[in-house]
C-alpha cells in the first residue's frame, strides 16, 4: 500500500521510485551490516564519550543531551518503510531487536502505523523504542486507506480500533513508546479523539508535524493524481524556509495546529517536539530553540 503523502513526501521516492524490500535470504547480511555499524557509530555531539565539555556550570553530571550519556546513536529502522509491514520487515525488526538487546550503547527506533502483533511474545528491551506514526491523512480511515488522503480536510468523526491495540498495548507491556502526529493538516474532531486516547499515558515523546514537501516531492504531487493535487493545494512555498522542505502550510496555520494539539495533549507525554520545523515557528510555539533538538528520531 503506497501512502499518497509519504510516497511523495520523500524526495528519494519521487526521484527514484518505490524502494524494494529485502528478501529473507538477505536478513543475515543485514544483521551483520548493522553489527559492523554498531562497532563504529558514535554520538557526534559528544564524540562518543557521553559527556559534553560545555555543560552548564551548575550541572552535576554533564551528560550529553543527545545520547543520554551512552555515547551511542539511534538507528531509525522505519524512515522509509513500516518496521512491521510487509512480513519481511517484521522479520528484520525481530532480528534487530535481539541484536540491540545484547548491548547498551545504541538504541533502535522501530516505526509503524499499525499494531505490531509480531511483538506479542517478545520481551521489551530498554534499547528499543516503538514509534507509532499517526497522520491526519490516515487517522480518519484507518491505516489501510491512505489513498483517501484528499478527504483529510474534512472534519469527521473517527474511532478506529487500531491505535488502541497498538499504542496502549505496547505501553502496558513495558515498551518505550513514542508517537508521531504527522502530517497534521486541519483542525477537527480527530484531535479531540486522539487526545482522549493518549491522555495520561506514559508516552516518552510526542512529536508534531504538519504537511510539507521537498521541492522534488511537491513537483510530483502537483502533477499527480487528484488526491495528490489536493494535498499540494494545501501548501505554499515559504520564503527563507530552512532545511529541505520549503513547501509548507502557511505559518499561522501551522502555529494554530501545533498550539491546539499541545493544549489537547497536555499530560499525555513526558516530552513534546516539532518535526522538521523552521526555527521561527519553533520559537513561536515552543519557546527558545534548544541547543540539541530532540524529536521522534533522536
Protein backbone atom coordinates (compact mmCIF):
# COMPACT_ATOMS: atom_id res chain seq x y z
CA UNK A 1 0.00 0.00 0.00
CA UNK A 2 1.52 3.32 -1.05
CA UNK A 3 0.66 6.35 1.04
CA UNK A 4 -0.12 9.32 -1.18
CA UNK A 5 1.58 11.60 1.30
CA UNK A 6 4.69 9.69 2.39
CA UNK A 7 5.49 8.28 -1.03
CA UNK A 8 5.94 11.74 -2.49
CA UNK A 9 6.99 13.49 0.70
CA UNK A 10 10.40 11.92 0.41
CA UNK A 11 12.47 13.25 -2.48
CA UNK A 12 14.25 9.91 -2.81
CA UNK A 13 10.97 8.20 -3.65
CA UNK A 14 9.94 10.98 -6.00
CA UNK A 15 13.20 10.72 -7.95
CA UNK A 16 13.94 7.01 -7.92
CA UNK A 17 10.59 5.30 -7.42
CA UNK A 18 9.28 2.85 -4.86
CA UNK A 19 12.03 1.04 -2.92
CA UNK A 20 12.29 -2.75 -2.83
CA UNK A 21 12.13 -4.70 0.39
CA UNK A 22 14.92 -7.03 1.36
CA UNK A 23 14.48 -10.77 0.91
CA UNK A 24 14.62 -13.44 3.59
CA UNK A 25 17.96 -14.62 2.27
CA UNK A 26 19.41 -11.15 2.86
CA UNK A 27 18.43 -10.96 6.56
CA UNK A 28 21.73 -12.44 7.85
CA UNK A 29 23.65 -9.90 5.73
CA UNK A 30 21.52 -7.10 7.20
CA UNK A 31 22.23 -8.27 10.73
CA UNK A 32 25.97 -8.43 10.09
CA UNK A 33 25.98 -4.98 8.46
CA UNK A 34 24.17 -3.41 11.43
CA UNK A 35 26.57 -5.16 13.79
CA UNK A 36 29.56 -3.61 11.99
CA UNK A 37 27.85 -0.21 12.12
CA UNK A 38 27.28 -0.55 15.87
CA UNK A 39 31.01 -1.10 16.42
CA UNK A 40 31.91 2.21 14.75
CA UNK A 41 28.92 4.54 15.29
CA UNK A 42 29.14 7.19 17.99
CA UNK A 43 27.26 10.30 19.04
CA UNK A 44 28.54 13.26 17.02
CA UNK A 45 27.58 15.77 19.69
CA UNK A 46 29.83 14.34 22.41
CA UNK A 47 32.25 12.41 20.20
CA UNK A 48 31.04 9.18 21.71
CA UNK A 49 32.16 9.70 25.30
CA UNK A 50 28.70 10.62 26.62
CA UNK A 51 29.89 13.89 28.20
CA UNK A 52 29.81 17.42 26.85
CA UNK A 53 32.60 19.79 27.89
CA UNK A 54 30.39 22.88 27.65
CA UNK A 55 27.71 21.62 30.05
CA UNK A 56 26.14 24.22 32.37
CA UNK A 57 28.29 25.13 35.37
CA UNK A 58 25.60 24.04 37.80
CA UNK A 59 25.26 20.64 36.14
CA UNK A 60 26.47 17.93 38.48
CA UNK A 61 26.54 15.38 35.66
CA UNK A 62 27.38 16.91 32.27
CA UNK A 63 25.61 14.10 30.45
CA UNK A 64 25.23 14.51 26.71
CA UNK A 65 21.63 15.56 25.95
CA UNK A 66 21.70 13.86 22.57
CA UNK A 67 22.64 10.32 23.64
CA UNK A 68 21.76 10.49 27.37
CA UNK A 69 25.35 9.76 28.24
CA UNK A 70 25.66 6.45 26.39
CA UNK A 71 27.85 7.82 23.61
CA UNK A 72 25.72 5.92 21.10
CA UNK A 73 23.13 6.84 18.50
CA UNK A 74 19.61 5.87 17.46
CA UNK A 75 19.20 3.69 14.38
CA UNK A 76 15.93 4.67 12.69
CA UNK A 77 14.71 1.45 11.07
CA UNK A 78 11.45 2.94 9.85
CA UNK A 79 12.26 6.16 7.99
CA UNK A 80 11.42 4.79 4.54
CA UNK A 81 9.19 1.84 5.46
CA UNK A 82 6.91 0.44 8.12
CA UNK A 83 9.01 -1.63 10.51
CA UNK A 84 6.37 -4.36 10.62
CA UNK A 85 4.88 -4.39 7.12
CA UNK A 86 5.31 -6.31 4.93
CA UNK A 87 6.16 -9.51 6.77
CA UNK A 88 9.82 -9.41 5.74
CA UNK A 89 10.23 -6.10 7.59
CA UNK A 90 8.75 -7.68 10.73
CA UNK A 91 11.33 -10.48 10.49
CA UNK A 92 14.12 -7.92 10.10
CA UNK A 93 12.82 -5.92 13.07
CA UNK A 94 12.75 -9.02 15.28
CA UNK A 95 16.41 -9.76 14.42
CA UNK A 96 17.38 -6.14 15.12
CA UNK A 97 15.60 -6.14 18.48
CA UNK A 98 17.63 -9.12 19.62
CA UNK A 99 20.83 -7.58 18.27
CA UNK A 100 20.30 -4.31 20.15
CA UNK A 101 19.19 -6.13 23.29
CA UNK A 102 22.69 -7.58 23.64
CA UNK A 103 24.38 -4.17 24.02
CA UNK A 104 23.79 -0.97 25.99
CA UNK A 105 25.26 1.77 23.85
CA UNK A 106 22.93 2.25 20.88
CA UNK A 107 19.16 2.38 20.55
CA UNK A 108 16.81 1.06 17.87
CA UNK A 109 13.77 3.03 16.68
CA UNK A 110 11.01 0.98 15.03
CA UNK A 111 8.29 2.99 13.27
CA UNK A 112 4.86 1.63 12.43
CA UNK A 113 1.34 2.67 11.51
CA UNK A 114 -0.35 -0.44 12.84
CA UNK A 115 -0.48 -2.71 15.86
CA UNK A 116 2.74 -4.78 15.80
CA UNK A 117 1.18 -8.10 16.80
CA UNK A 118 4.50 -9.75 15.89
CA UNK A 119 5.84 -8.49 19.24
CA UNK A 120 3.17 -10.17 21.35
CA UNK A 121 5.64 -12.79 22.58
CA UNK A 122 8.78 -10.59 22.52
CA UNK A 123 10.14 -9.28 25.81
CA UNK A 124 10.50 -5.47 25.79
CA UNK A 125 14.05 -4.13 25.66
CA UNK A 126 15.11 -0.72 27.01
CA UNK A 127 17.35 -0.32 23.96
CA UNK A 128 14.33 -0.44 21.63
CA UNK A 129 11.78 2.32 21.04
CA UNK A 130 8.43 1.72 19.33
CA UNK A 131 7.24 4.81 17.47
CA UNK A 132 3.64 4.95 16.27
CA UNK A 133 3.14 7.26 13.30
CA UNK A 134 -0.38 8.68 13.25
CA UNK A 135 -1.00 11.15 10.44
CA UNK A 136 -4.20 13.03 9.71
CA UNK A 137 -4.03 11.53 6.24
CA UNK A 138 -4.54 8.07 7.69
CA UNK A 139 -6.30 8.51 11.02
CA UNK A 140 -9.86 9.16 9.84
CA UNK A 141 -9.97 6.00 7.76
CA UNK A 142 -7.56 3.57 9.39
CA UNK A 143 -4.03 2.68 8.32
CA UNK A 144 -5.01 0.78 5.17
CA UNK A 145 -6.92 3.56 3.41
CA UNK A 146 -4.35 6.29 2.99
CA UNK A 147 -5.20 6.80 -0.68
CA UNK A 148 -8.27 8.62 0.61
CA UNK A 149 -5.95 11.37 1.81
CA UNK A 150 -7.78 14.03 -0.20
CA UNK A 151 -10.65 13.72 2.29
CA UNK A 152 -8.38 14.60 5.21
CA UNK A 153 -9.56 18.22 5.01
CA UNK A 154 -12.99 17.19 6.22
CA UNK A 155 -13.83 17.32 9.91
CA UNK A 156 -15.05 13.81 10.57
CA UNK A 157 -15.77 11.54 13.48
CA UNK A 158 -13.16 8.82 13.83
CA UNK A 159 -12.84 5.87 16.16
CA UNK A 160 -10.54 3.25 14.66
CA UNK A 161 -9.61 0.43 16.99
CA UNK A 162 -6.04 0.11 15.70
CA UNK A 163 -4.20 2.77 17.76
CA UNK A 164 -5.77 1.46 20.96
CA UNK A 165 -4.43 -2.00 20.24
CA UNK A 166 -1.01 -0.64 19.33
CA UNK A 167 -0.01 2.33 21.46
CA UNK A 168 -1.75 1.33 24.65
CA UNK A 169 -0.87 -2.35 24.46
CA UNK A 170 2.79 -1.50 23.89
CA UNK A 171 2.80 0.80 26.93
CA UNK A 172 1.09 -1.80 29.10
CA UNK A 173 3.63 -4.44 28.09
CA UNK A 174 6.53 -2.18 29.08
CA UNK A 175 7.88 -0.98 25.74
CA UNK A 176 9.36 2.50 25.34
CA UNK A 177 6.76 4.29 23.21
CA UNK A 178 6.83 7.45 21.16
CA UNK A 179 4.07 8.90 18.99
CA UNK A 180 4.49 10.98 15.87
CA UNK A 181 1.44 13.00 14.77
CA UNK A 182 2.46 13.85 11.23
CA UNK A 183 1.19 15.20 8.95
CA UNK A 184 -1.40 17.42 10.58
CA UNK A 185 -3.34 19.44 8.03
CA UNK A 186 -6.54 20.84 9.53
CA UNK A 187 -8.05 21.11 12.97
CA UNK A 188 -11.01 18.90 13.65
CA UNK A 189 -12.59 16.30 15.88
CA UNK A 190 -9.78 13.85 15.14
CA UNK A 191 -7.65 15.87 17.56
CA UNK A 192 -10.19 15.57 20.36
CA UNK A 193 -10.48 11.83 19.85
CA UNK A 194 -6.71 11.36 19.82
CA UNK A 195 -6.26 13.48 22.94
CA UNK A 196 -8.76 11.32 24.81
CA UNK A 197 -7.00 8.19 23.63
CA UNK A 198 -3.50 9.29 24.66
CA UNK A 199 -4.29 11.35 27.75
CA UNK A 200 -2.46 10.23 30.86
CA UNK A 201 -0.37 7.59 29.09
CA UNK A 202 3.32 7.06 29.74
CA UNK A 203 4.44 8.15 26.27
CA UNK A 204 8.12 9.04 26.11
CA UNK A 205 7.75 11.74 23.48
CA UNK A 206 5.07 13.08 21.14
CA UNK A 207 6.36 14.79 18.02
CA UNK A 208 4.08 17.02 15.96
CA UNK A 209 4.49 17.75 12.27
CA UNK A 210 2.48 19.48 9.57
CA UNK A 211 2.09 18.81 5.86
CA UNK A 212 5.26 19.72 3.98
CA UNK A 213 7.12 18.72 0.83
CA UNK A 214 10.58 18.78 -0.61
CA UNK A 215 10.88 20.59 -3.93
CA UNK A 216 11.01 17.29 -5.83
CA UNK A 217 8.13 15.90 -3.81
CA UNK A 218 5.97 18.96 -4.39
CA UNK A 219 6.51 18.85 -8.15
CA UNK A 220 5.49 15.22 -8.23
CA UNK A 221 2.39 15.87 -6.10
CA UNK A 222 1.32 18.96 -8.04
CA UNK A 223 1.33 16.94 -11.26
CA UNK A 224 -0.05 13.75 -9.79
CA UNK A 225 -3.46 12.27 -9.18
CA UNK A 226 -6.45 14.29 -7.91
CA UNK A 227 -5.64 13.07 -4.40
CA UNK A 228 -2.07 14.29 -4.65
CA UNK A 229 -3.01 17.61 -6.25
CA UNK A 230 -5.41 18.25 -3.37
CA UNK A 231 -2.53 17.83 -0.92
CA UNK A 232 -0.32 20.12 -2.99
CA UNK A 233 -3.01 22.80 -2.90
CA UNK A 234 -2.72 22.94 0.90
CA UNK A 235 0.87 24.23 0.92
CA UNK A 236 2.79 27.30 -0.24
CA UNK A 237 6.48 27.88 -0.80
CA UNK A 238 7.77 29.61 2.34
CA UNK A 239 10.37 32.28 1.70
CA UNK A 240 13.53 31.63 3.67
CA UNK A 241 12.36 28.24 4.90
CA UNK A 242 15.34 26.33 6.21
CA UNK A 243 16.00 22.68 5.52
CA UNK A 244 14.82 20.52 2.68
CA UNK A 245 11.07 21.17 2.91
CA UNK A 246 10.31 24.64 1.52
CA UNK A 247 6.67 23.82 0.69
CA UNK A 248 4.63 24.09 3.87
CA UNK A 249 1.27 25.08 5.29
CA UNK A 250 1.02 28.84 5.94
CA UNK A 251 2.93 29.92 9.06
CA UNK A 252 -0.09 30.97 11.11
CA UNK A 253 -1.94 27.77 10.21
CA UNK A 254 0.99 25.67 11.45
CA UNK A 255 1.21 27.65 14.68
CA UNK A 256 -2.52 27.20 15.25
CA UNK A 257 -2.37 23.45 14.64
CA UNK A 258 0.57 22.99 16.99
CA UNK A 259 -0.93 25.08 19.79
CA UNK A 260 -4.28 23.32 19.56
CA UNK A 261 -2.62 19.90 19.62
CA UNK A 262 -0.35 20.78 22.55
CA UNK A 263 -3.30 22.09 24.54
CA UNK A 264 -5.31 18.92 23.92
CA UNK A 265 -2.37 16.61 24.67
CA UNK A 266 -1.29 18.13 27.99
CA UNK A 267 -0.12 15.32 30.26
CA UNK A 268 -0.05 12.70 27.51
CA UNK A 269 3.75 12.59 27.19
CA UNK A 270 6.93 13.32 29.08
CA UNK A 271 8.22 15.49 26.25
CA UNK A 272 6.96 17.25 23.12
CA UNK A 273 8.78 18.29 19.95
CA UNK A 274 8.17 19.53 16.40
CA UNK A 275 9.31 17.58 13.36
CA UNK A 276 11.40 19.27 10.63
CA UNK A 277 10.03 22.70 11.56
CA UNK A 278 11.56 26.11 10.92
CA UNK A 279 13.27 27.99 13.73
CA UNK A 280 10.78 30.93 13.74
CA UNK A 281 7.85 28.53 14.05
CA UNK A 282 9.55 26.51 16.81
CA UNK A 283 10.27 29.72 18.76
CA UNK A 284 6.67 30.89 18.38
CA UNK A 285 5.17 27.61 19.56
CA UNK A 286 7.75 26.07 21.90
CA UNK A 287 9.91 28.98 23.03
CA UNK A 288 13.70 29.15 22.67
CA UNK A 289 15.13 26.52 20.34
CA UNK A 290 17.20 24.06 22.41
CA UNK A 291 20.85 23.61 21.57
CA UNK A 292 20.21 19.96 20.84
CA UNK A 293 16.88 19.26 19.18
CA UNK A 294 15.25 16.04 20.25
CA UNK A 295 12.35 14.80 18.16
CA UNK A 296 10.88 11.43 17.25
CA UNK A 297 14.02 10.08 15.61
CA UNK A 298 16.66 11.32 18.07
